[in-house]
């Protein structure tokens, strides 16, 4: 965020940050310690609506999608062809899913795939000039949904799910396997004196 410039988002997002922002911030403080010093939650103060917005010679198409949260803002700069996909896309990263609805999220990814763009800016991970980040995020979500449904049908508890062997899709880099993330998360929380197996607190 640039100093002195207010963040913009949909009203639903403002409400969500107000409800959950401090909880996430507190969990990150416990997880990361001193690295979080000076970090605070600032909800967007300027609401926007889907549509066309012209700023500084740029024609911006604001789109309301959902799936990662209930209000995911996507911005296509039609002047330059740059698509800002926000947290609908995690490129070379494990997607965070505390409020996710995976089928809806994957439908939003199909919407992104239909857009014409030259540069794609994900919410996390490197910028790309093709649809590889869309394909990778979709593959990860498909694998995650199948993995969790299988665990639920097998009657596994959350702690058991976190310990199960992972076999991510071949299209995903191994660095985003959930087990490794869960192990690092749990060990970091234990060092901070927090006993939990809930990955949503990480």
Protein backbone atom coordinates (compact mmCIF):
# COMPACT_ATOMS: atom_id res chain seq x y z
CA UNK A 1 0.00 0.00 0.00
CA UNK A 2 1.27 3.48 -0.87
CA UNK A 3 1.43 5.98 1.95
CA UNK A 4 -1.51 8.38 1.92
CA UNK A 5 -3.53 6.49 -0.71
CA UNK A 6 -6.71 4.78 0.52
CA UNK A 7 -7.27 1.12 -0.38
CA UNK A 8 -10.34 0.32 -2.49
CA UNK A 9 -12.48 -2.80 -2.50
CA UNK A 10 -16.04 -4.11 -2.52
CA UNK A 11 -18.26 -3.48 0.48
CA UNK A 12 -18.40 -7.23 1.20
CA UNK A 13 -14.62 -7.33 1.43
CA UNK A 14 -14.57 -4.40 3.84
CA UNK A 15 -17.03 -6.26 6.05
CA UNK A 16 -14.99 -9.47 5.90
CA UNK A 17 -11.76 -7.74 6.86
CA UNK A 18 -13.55 -6.08 9.74
CA UNK A 19 -14.74 -9.47 11.01
CA UNK A 20 -11.60 -11.55 10.49
CA UNK A 21 -8.65 -9.23 9.92
CA UNK A 22 -7.41 -8.96 13.49
CA UNK A 23 -7.70 -12.71 14.00
CA UNK A 24 -5.47 -13.40 11.01
CA UNK A 25 -3.05 -10.68 12.09
CA UNK A 26 -2.81 -12.15 15.58
CA UNK A 27 -2.14 -15.64 14.18
CA UNK A 28 0.61 -14.30 11.94
CA UNK A 29 2.21 -12.49 14.89
CA UNK A 30 2.30 -15.78 16.80
CA UNK A 31 3.68 -17.59 13.77
CA UNK A 32 6.28 -15.07 12.58
CA UNK A 33 7.17 -13.18 15.73
CA UNK A 34 9.36 -10.10 15.30
CA UNK A 35 9.06 -10.23 11.51
CA UNK A 36 5.48 -8.94 11.90
CA UNK A 37 6.51 -5.89 13.92
CA UNK A 38 4.67 -2.78 12.73
CA UNK A 39 2.10 -4.78 10.74
CA UNK A 40 -1.50 -3.76 11.23
CA UNK A 41 -4.86 -4.36 9.61
CA UNK A 42 -6.35 -1.57 7.52
CA UNK A 43 -9.70 -2.27 5.95
CA UNK A 44 -10.37 -0.57 2.60
CA UNK A 45 -11.97 2.81 3.16
CA UNK A 46 -13.17 3.48 -0.37
CA UNK A 47 -15.90 1.12 -1.67
CA UNK A 48 -16.09 0.38 -5.39
CA UNK A 49 -18.65 -1.26 -7.63
CA UNK A 50 -18.08 -3.56 -10.61
CA UNK A 51 -17.77 -1.69 -13.89
CA UNK A 52 -15.45 0.63 -15.77
CA UNK A 53 -13.24 3.15 -13.99
CA UNK A 54 -11.03 5.64 -15.85
CA UNK A 55 -7.96 6.86 -13.95
CA UNK A 56 -4.88 8.63 -15.33
CA UNK A 57 -5.53 7.60 -18.89
CA UNK A 58 -6.14 3.97 -17.97
CA UNK A 59 -9.45 2.23 -18.57
CA UNK A 60 -9.89 -0.21 -15.69
CA UNK A 61 -12.45 -2.99 -15.78
CA UNK A 62 -13.41 -3.87 -12.19
CA UNK A 63 -14.84 -7.38 -11.88
CA UNK A 64 -16.56 -8.99 -8.92
CA UNK A 65 -15.61 -12.65 -8.67
CA UNK A 66 -15.56 -14.99 -5.68
CA UNK A 67 -14.33 -18.30 -4.36
CA UNK A 68 -11.21 -17.40 -2.41
CA UNK A 69 -13.49 -15.09 -0.43
CA UNK A 70 -17.04 -13.85 -0.93
CA UNK A 71 -15.81 -10.74 -2.75
CA UNK A 72 -12.69 -11.07 -4.90
CA UNK A 73 -11.82 -7.92 -6.82
CA UNK A 74 -10.17 -8.47 -10.20
CA UNK A 75 -8.90 -5.51 -12.22
CA UNK A 76 -8.16 -5.64 -15.94
CA UNK A 77 -6.28 -2.60 -17.24
CA UNK A 78 -7.74 -2.57 -20.74
CA UNK A 79 -5.27 0.13 -21.76
CA UNK A 80 -2.16 -1.98 -21.11
CA UNK A 81 -3.54 -5.51 -20.97
CA UNK A 82 -2.40 -6.07 -17.39
CA UNK A 83 -4.70 -8.30 -15.36
CA UNK A 84 -4.55 -8.02 -11.56
CA UNK A 85 -6.13 -11.24 -10.33
CA UNK A 86 -5.67 -10.75 -6.60
CA UNK A 87 -5.81 -13.79 -4.33
CA UNK A 88 -7.72 -15.86 -6.85
CA UNK A 89 -4.23 -16.75 -8.11
CA UNK A 90 -1.30 -18.22 -6.19
CA UNK A 91 1.62 -18.80 -8.54
CA UNK A 92 4.26 -21.21 -7.18
CA UNK A 93 2.57 -20.86 -3.80
CA UNK A 94 0.13 -22.90 -1.70
CA UNK A 95 -3.24 -21.17 -1.79
CA UNK A 96 -4.76 -20.10 1.52
CA UNK A 97 -8.28 -21.45 1.94
CA UNK A 98 -9.90 -20.48 5.27
CA UNK A 99 -12.96 -18.98 3.57
CA UNK A 100 -12.70 -20.73 0.22
CA UNK A 101 -15.50 -22.33 -1.76
CA UNK A 102 -13.47 -24.39 -4.16
CA UNK A 103 -16.09 -25.07 -6.88
CA UNK A 104 -16.92 -21.35 -7.02
CA UNK A 105 -13.21 -20.47 -7.02
CA UNK A 106 -12.54 -22.79 -9.94
CA UNK A 107 -15.45 -21.24 -11.85
CA UNK A 108 -13.83 -17.82 -11.32
CA UNK A 109 -10.57 -19.22 -12.70
CA UNK A 110 -12.43 -20.21 -15.86
CA UNK A 111 -13.66 -16.62 -16.10
CA UNK A 112 -10.07 -15.40 -15.85
CA UNK A 113 -9.03 -17.83 -18.58
CA UNK A 114 -11.54 -16.27 -20.95
CA UNK A 115 -10.10 -12.77 -20.54
CA UNK A 116 -7.60 -11.29 -22.97
CA UNK A 117 -4.48 -10.04 -21.21
CA UNK A 118 -0.77 -9.51 -21.84
CA UNK A 119 0.53 -9.65 -18.27
CA UNK A 120 -0.99 -11.54 -15.35
CA UNK A 121 -0.34 -10.37 -11.78
CA UNK A 122 -1.28 -12.98 -9.12
CA UNK A 123 -1.99 -12.14 -5.52
CA UNK A 124 1.03 -14.25 -4.52
CA UNK A 125 4.01 -15.37 -6.57
CA UNK A 126 5.75 -14.20 -9.73
CA UNK A 127 4.12 -12.26 -12.55
CA UNK A 128 3.58 -14.21 -15.80
CA UNK A 129 2.67 -13.45 -19.41
CA UNK A 130 0.49 -16.50 -20.00
CA UNK A 131 -2.22 -18.54 -18.28
CA UNK A 132 0.19 -20.84 -16.43
CA UNK A 133 -0.67 -19.34 -13.01
CA UNK A 134 -4.38 -19.93 -13.68
CA UNK A 135 -3.76 -23.55 -14.69
CA UNK A 136 -1.51 -24.18 -11.70
CA UNK A 137 -3.96 -22.72 -9.17
CA UNK A 138 -6.80 -24.73 -10.70
CA UNK A 139 -4.75 -27.95 -10.57
CA UNK A 140 -3.90 -27.32 -6.93
CA UNK A 141 -7.53 -26.66 -5.98
CA UNK A 142 -8.72 -29.76 -7.83
CA UNK A 143 -6.15 -31.87 -6.00
CA UNK A 144 -6.95 -30.27 -2.63
CA UNK A 145 -10.69 -30.81 -3.01
CA UNK A 146 -10.24 -34.46 -3.99
CA UNK A 147 -7.76 -35.01 -1.15
CA UNK A 148 -10.04 -33.51 1.51
CA UNK A 149 -13.18 -35.24 0.22
CA UNK A 150 -11.36 -38.57 0.32
CA UNK A 151 -10.21 -37.85 3.87
CA UNK A 152 -13.73 -36.92 4.95
CA UNK A 153 -15.21 -40.05 3.40
CA UNK A 154 -12.56 -42.10 5.22
CA UNK A 155 -13.56 -40.51 8.52
CA UNK A 156 -10.16 -38.95 9.22
CA UNK A 157 -9.77 -36.18 11.80
CA UNK A 158 -7.97 -32.97 10.87
CA UNK A 159 -4.77 -34.02 12.65
CA UNK A 160 -4.78 -37.25 10.65
CA UNK A 161 -5.32 -35.38 7.39
CA UNK A 162 -2.29 -33.18 8.05
CA UNK A 163 -0.14 -36.28 8.54
CA UNK A 164 -1.35 -38.15 5.44
CA UNK A 165 1.11 -38.64 2.56
CA UNK A 166 0.57 -36.03 -0.14
CA UNK A 167 0.62 -36.69 -3.89
CA UNK A 168 0.02 -33.31 -5.57
CA UNK A 169 -0.72 -33.15 -9.28
CA UNK A 170 2.31 -33.29 -11.55
CA UNK A 171 1.52 -29.78 -12.84
CA UNK A 172 2.23 -28.31 -9.38
CA UNK A 173 5.67 -27.65 -7.91
CA UNK A 174 6.44 -29.87 -4.93
CA UNK A 175 7.21 -26.84 -2.76
CA UNK A 176 3.50 -26.16 -2.31
CA UNK A 177 2.59 -29.51 -0.72
CA UNK A 178 0.26 -28.96 2.23
CA UNK A 179 2.04 -31.40 4.56
CA UNK A 180 5.30 -29.45 4.58
CA UNK A 181 3.40 -26.25 5.23
CA UNK A 182 1.45 -27.83 8.07
CA UNK A 183 4.62 -29.19 9.69
CA UNK A 184 6.34 -25.80 9.53
CA UNK A 185 3.20 -24.13 10.83
CA UNK A 186 2.78 -26.49 13.77
CA UNK A 187 6.46 -26.32 14.79
CA UNK A 188 6.44 -22.51 14.61
CA UNK A 189 3.29 -22.29 16.69
CA UNK A 190 4.74 -24.65 19.29
CA UNK A 191 7.84 -22.46 19.59
CA UNK A 192 5.49 -19.55 20.17
CA UNK A 193 3.75 -21.46 22.96
CA UNK A 194 0.57 -22.10 20.96
CA UNK A 195 -0.84 -25.62 20.88
CA UNK A 196 -3.14 -26.09 17.89
CA UNK A 197 -3.52 -28.34 14.87
CA UNK A 198 -5.89 -25.99 13.09
CA UNK A 199 -4.17 -24.88 9.85
CA UNK A 200 -6.67 -22.06 9.46
CA UNK A 201 -4.98 -20.32 12.40
CA UNK A 202 -1.70 -20.20 10.50
